[in-house]
Amino acid sequence: VRWLQLPGHPTTVTRTFTTDGLRVSWKPPRYLPGHYTENVVSIFRIVEGKFGYYDIYNGPDTTVTLDRESILSALIPDNNGRPSLLLKIAVCNENGFGCHRQLTFKPTPEQAQAL
């Protein structure tokens, strides 16, 4: 598979903190050769002592909402008291996954308190 046959990365990504959790939405890549098949959203977390990105959504929608439990289980602490949440979004066509868009979400103290 040539890399030119793979889709580009998602564009215009927005993150909105809501009472339900964190809503993330995006637009399809500007470069999308071939037949689009799905979007994949992955979240970085530690599971049973192993860390990595775990898929939390596969499908056609361009919006996903992470509930509070998902957010809390994936927050990465830091020394400044503002933990981070890491997400990746990728688009897939019949040739495979294209470039991913990585996001870092740092809840404000007010947002973290609401969790």
C-alpha atoms as a PDB file:
ATOM      1  CA  VAL A   1       0.000   0.000   0.000  1.00  0.00           C
ATOM      2  CA  ARG A   2       1.378   3.371  -0.935  1.00  0.00           C
ATOM      3  CA  TRP A   3       1.025   6.103   1.648  1.00  0.00           C
ATOM      4  CA  LEU A   4      -0.765   8.293  -0.918  1.00  0.00           C
ATOM      5  CA  GLN A   5      -3.628   5.785  -0.861  1.00  0.00           C
ATOM      6  CA  LEU A   6      -4.225   6.369   2.873  1.00  0.00           C
ATOM      7  CA  PRO A   7      -6.474   9.131   4.252  1.00  0.00           C
ATOM      8  CA  GLY A   8      -5.103  12.273   5.851  1.00  0.00           C
ATOM      9  CA  HIS A   9      -5.669  13.214   9.481  1.00  0.00           C
ATOM     10  CA  PRO A  10      -9.005  14.478  10.850  1.00  0.00           C
ATOM     11  CA  THR A  11      -9.400  18.262  10.829  1.00  0.00           C
ATOM     12  CA  THR A  12     -11.148  20.946  12.862  1.00  0.00           C
ATOM     13  CA  VAL A  13     -11.150  18.999  16.123  1.00  0.00           C
ATOM     14  CA  THR A  14     -13.196  20.516  18.948  1.00  0.00           C
ATOM     15  CA  ARG A  15     -13.320  19.500  22.604  1.00  0.00           C
ATOM     16  CA  THR A  16     -16.211  20.497  24.820  1.00  0.00           C
ATOM     17  CA  PHE A  17     -16.455  19.683  28.494  1.00  0.00           C
ATOM     18  CA  THR A  18     -20.097  18.911  29.352  1.00  0.00           C
ATOM     19  CA  THR A  19     -21.975  17.599  32.364  1.00  0.00           C
ATOM     20  CA  ASP A  20     -21.890  14.172  30.657  1.00  0.00           C
ATOM     21  CA  GLY A  21     -18.115  14.199  30.206  1.00  0.00           C
ATOM     22  CA  LEU A  22     -15.947  15.297  27.304  1.00  0.00           C
ATOM     23  CA  ARG A  23     -17.399  15.625  23.802  1.00  0.00           C
ATOM     24  CA  VAL A  24     -14.888  15.463  20.967  1.00  0.00           C
ATOM     25  CA  SER A  25     -15.887  16.138  17.374  1.00  0.00           C
ATOM     26  CA  TRP A  26     -13.950  16.500  14.140  1.00  0.00           C
ATOM     27  CA  LYS A  27     -14.298  16.893  10.394  1.00  0.00           C
ATOM     28  CA  PRO A  28     -13.111  14.329   7.833  1.00  0.00           C
ATOM     29  CA  PRO A  29      -9.628  14.727   6.368  1.00  0.00           C
ATOM     30  CA  ARG A  30      -9.143  17.075   3.458  1.00  0.00           C
ATOM     31  CA  TYR A  31      -7.391  14.235   1.652  1.00  0.00           C
ATOM     32  CA  LEU A  32      -9.545  11.105   1.588  1.00  0.00           C
ATOM     33  CA  PRO A  33      -8.693   8.788  -1.315  1.00  0.00           C
ATOM     34  CA  GLY A  34     -10.727   5.680  -1.917  1.00  0.00           C
ATOM     35  CA  HIS A  35     -13.732   4.555   0.073  1.00  0.00           C
ATOM     36  CA  TYR A  36     -13.980   5.813   3.668  1.00  0.00           C
ATOM     37  CA  THR A  37     -14.721   2.984   6.124  1.00  0.00           C
ATOM     38  CA  GLU A  38     -14.541   4.263   9.720  1.00  0.00           C
ATOM     39  CA  ASN A  39     -13.189   6.619  12.380  1.00  0.00           C
ATOM     40  CA  VAL A  40     -11.234   5.237  15.316  1.00  0.00           C
ATOM     41  CA  VAL A  41     -10.805   7.061  18.632  1.00  0.00           C
ATOM     42  CA  SER A  42      -8.228   5.741  21.101  1.00  0.00           C
ATOM     43  CA  ILE A  43      -7.481   6.811  24.665  1.00  0.00           C
ATOM     44  CA  PHE A  44      -4.162   6.467  26.491  1.00  0.00           C
ATOM     45  CA  ARG A  45      -4.369   4.640  29.794  1.00  0.00           C
ATOM     46  CA  ILE A  46      -2.750   2.069  32.029  1.00  0.00           C
ATOM     47  CA  VAL A  47      -4.510  -1.305  32.186  1.00  0.00           C
ATOM     48  CA  GLU A  48      -3.152  -4.096  34.395  1.00  0.00           C
ATOM     49  CA  GLY A  49       0.289  -2.493  34.513  1.00  0.00           C
ATOM     50  CA  LYS A  50       0.492  -2.034  30.740  1.00  0.00           C
ATOM     51  CA  PHE A  51       0.153   1.365  29.149  1.00  0.00           C
ATOM     52  CA  GLY A  52      -0.864   2.289  25.648  1.00  0.00           C
ATOM     53  CA  TYR A  53      -3.685   3.494  23.477  1.00  0.00           C
ATOM     54  CA  TYR A  54      -6.932   1.546  23.680  1.00  0.00           C
ATOM     55  CA  ASP A  55      -9.745   1.936  21.144  1.00  0.00           C
ATOM     56  CA  ILE A  56     -12.895   3.407  22.646  1.00  0.00           C
ATOM     57  CA  TYR A  57     -14.829   4.046  19.431  1.00  0.00           C
ATOM     58  CA  ASN A  58     -14.909   2.548  15.929  1.00  0.00           C
ATOM     59  CA  GLY A  59     -17.606   3.704  13.544  1.00  0.00           C
ATOM     60  CA  PRO A  60     -18.906   6.294  11.102  1.00  0.00           C
ATOM     61  CA  ASP A  61     -19.738   9.116  13.547  1.00  0.00           C
ATOM     62  CA  THR A  62     -17.471  12.157  13.838  1.00  0.00           C
ATOM     63  CA  THR A  63     -18.440  12.876  17.447  1.00  0.00           C
ATOM     64  CA  VAL A  64     -17.762  10.853  20.567  1.00  0.00           C
ATOM     65  CA  THR A  65     -18.516  11.590  24.227  1.00  0.00           C
ATOM     66  CA  LEU A  66     -16.257  10.194  26.936  1.00  0.00           C
ATOM     67  CA  ASP A  67     -18.113   9.603  30.163  1.00  0.00           C
ATOM     68  CA  ARG A  68     -16.649  10.582  33.533  1.00  0.00           C
ATOM     69  CA  GLU A  69     -15.495   7.056  34.365  1.00  0.00           C
ATOM     70  CA  SER A  70     -13.519   6.821  31.116  1.00  0.00           C
ATOM     71  CA  ILE A  71     -11.921  10.193  31.771  1.00  0.00           C
ATOM     72  CA  LEU A  72     -11.017   9.417  35.381  1.00  0.00           C
ATOM     73  CA  SER A  73      -9.506   6.040  34.457  1.00  0.00           C
ATOM     74  CA  ALA A  74      -7.269   7.672  31.851  1.00  0.00           C
ATOM     75  CA  LEU A  75      -6.048  10.872  33.552  1.00  0.00           C
ATOM     76  CA  ILE A  76      -2.267  11.115  33.691  1.00  0.00           C
ATOM     77  CA  PRO A  77      -1.087  13.039  36.774  1.00  0.00           C
ATOM     78  CA  ASP A  78       1.526  15.773  36.551  1.00  0.00           C
ATOM     79  CA  ASN A  79       3.492  17.884  39.021  1.00  0.00           C
ATOM     80  CA  ASN A  80       1.357  20.993  38.491  1.00  0.00           C
ATOM     81  CA  GLY A  81      -1.895  19.416  39.643  1.00  0.00           C
ATOM     82  CA  ARG A  82      -3.415  19.492  36.140  1.00  0.00           C
ATOM     83  CA  PRO A  83      -3.648  15.930  34.881  1.00  0.00           C
ATOM     84  CA  SER A  84      -3.772  15.221  31.154  1.00  0.00           C
ATOM     85  CA  LEU A  85      -5.965  13.076  28.975  1.00  0.00           C
ATOM     86  CA  LEU A  86      -4.461  11.827  25.696  1.00  0.00           C
ATOM     87  CA  LEU A  87      -6.591  10.856  22.695  1.00  0.00           C
ATOM     88  CA  LYS A  88      -5.903   9.833  19.108  1.00  0.00           C
ATOM     89  CA  ILE A  89      -8.347  10.054  16.204  1.00  0.00           C
ATOM     90  CA  ALA A  90      -7.697   8.290  12.901  1.00  0.00           C
ATOM     91  CA  VAL A  91      -9.669   7.737   9.717  1.00  0.00           C
ATOM     92  CA  CYS A  92      -9.596   4.465   7.824  1.00  0.00           C
ATOM     93  CA  ASN A  93     -10.272   3.607   4.191  1.00  0.00           C
ATOM     94  CA  GLU A  94     -10.067   0.278   2.380  1.00  0.00           C
ATOM     95  CA  ASN A  95      -6.250   0.589   2.324  1.00  0.00           C
ATOM     96  CA  GLY A  96      -5.810   1.080   6.077  1.00  0.00           C
ATOM     97  CA  PHE A  97      -5.431   3.809   8.658  1.00  0.00           C
ATOM     98  CA  GLY A  98      -4.208   7.234   7.731  1.00  0.00           C
ATOM     99  CA  CYS A  99      -2.368   9.727   9.927  1.00  0.00           C
ATOM    100  CA  HIS A 100      -3.845  10.171  13.373  1.00  0.00           C
ATOM    101  CA  ARG A 101      -4.567  13.420  15.171  1.00  0.00           C
ATOM    102  CA  GLN A 102      -3.346  13.388  18.763  1.00  0.00           C
ATOM    103  CA  LEU A 103      -5.084  15.541  21.372  1.00  0.00           C
ATOM    104  CA  THR A 104      -4.097  16.504  24.883  1.00  0.00           C
ATOM    105  CA  PHE A 105      -6.879  17.672  27.165  1.00  0.00           C
ATOM    106  CA  LYS A 106      -5.938  19.288  30.479  1.00  0.00           C
ATOM    107  CA  PRO A 107      -9.050  19.868  32.562  1.00  0.00           C
ATOM    108  CA  THR A 108      -9.143  23.183  34.383  1.00  0.00           C
ATOM    109  CA  PRO A 109      -9.401  22.933  38.180  1.00  0.00           C
ATOM    110  CA  GLU A 110     -13.144  23.600  37.862  1.00  0.00           C
ATOM    111  CA  GLN A 111     -13.581  20.858  35.271  1.00  0.00           C
ATOM    112  CA  ALA A 112     -11.510  18.397  37.297  1.00  0.00           C
ATOM    113  CA  GLN A 113     -13.570  19.171  40.381  1.00  0.00           C
ATOM    114  CA  ALA A 114     -16.773  18.439  38.440  1.00  0.00           C
ATOM    115  CA  LEU A 115     -15.495  14.941  37.706  1.00  0.00           C
END
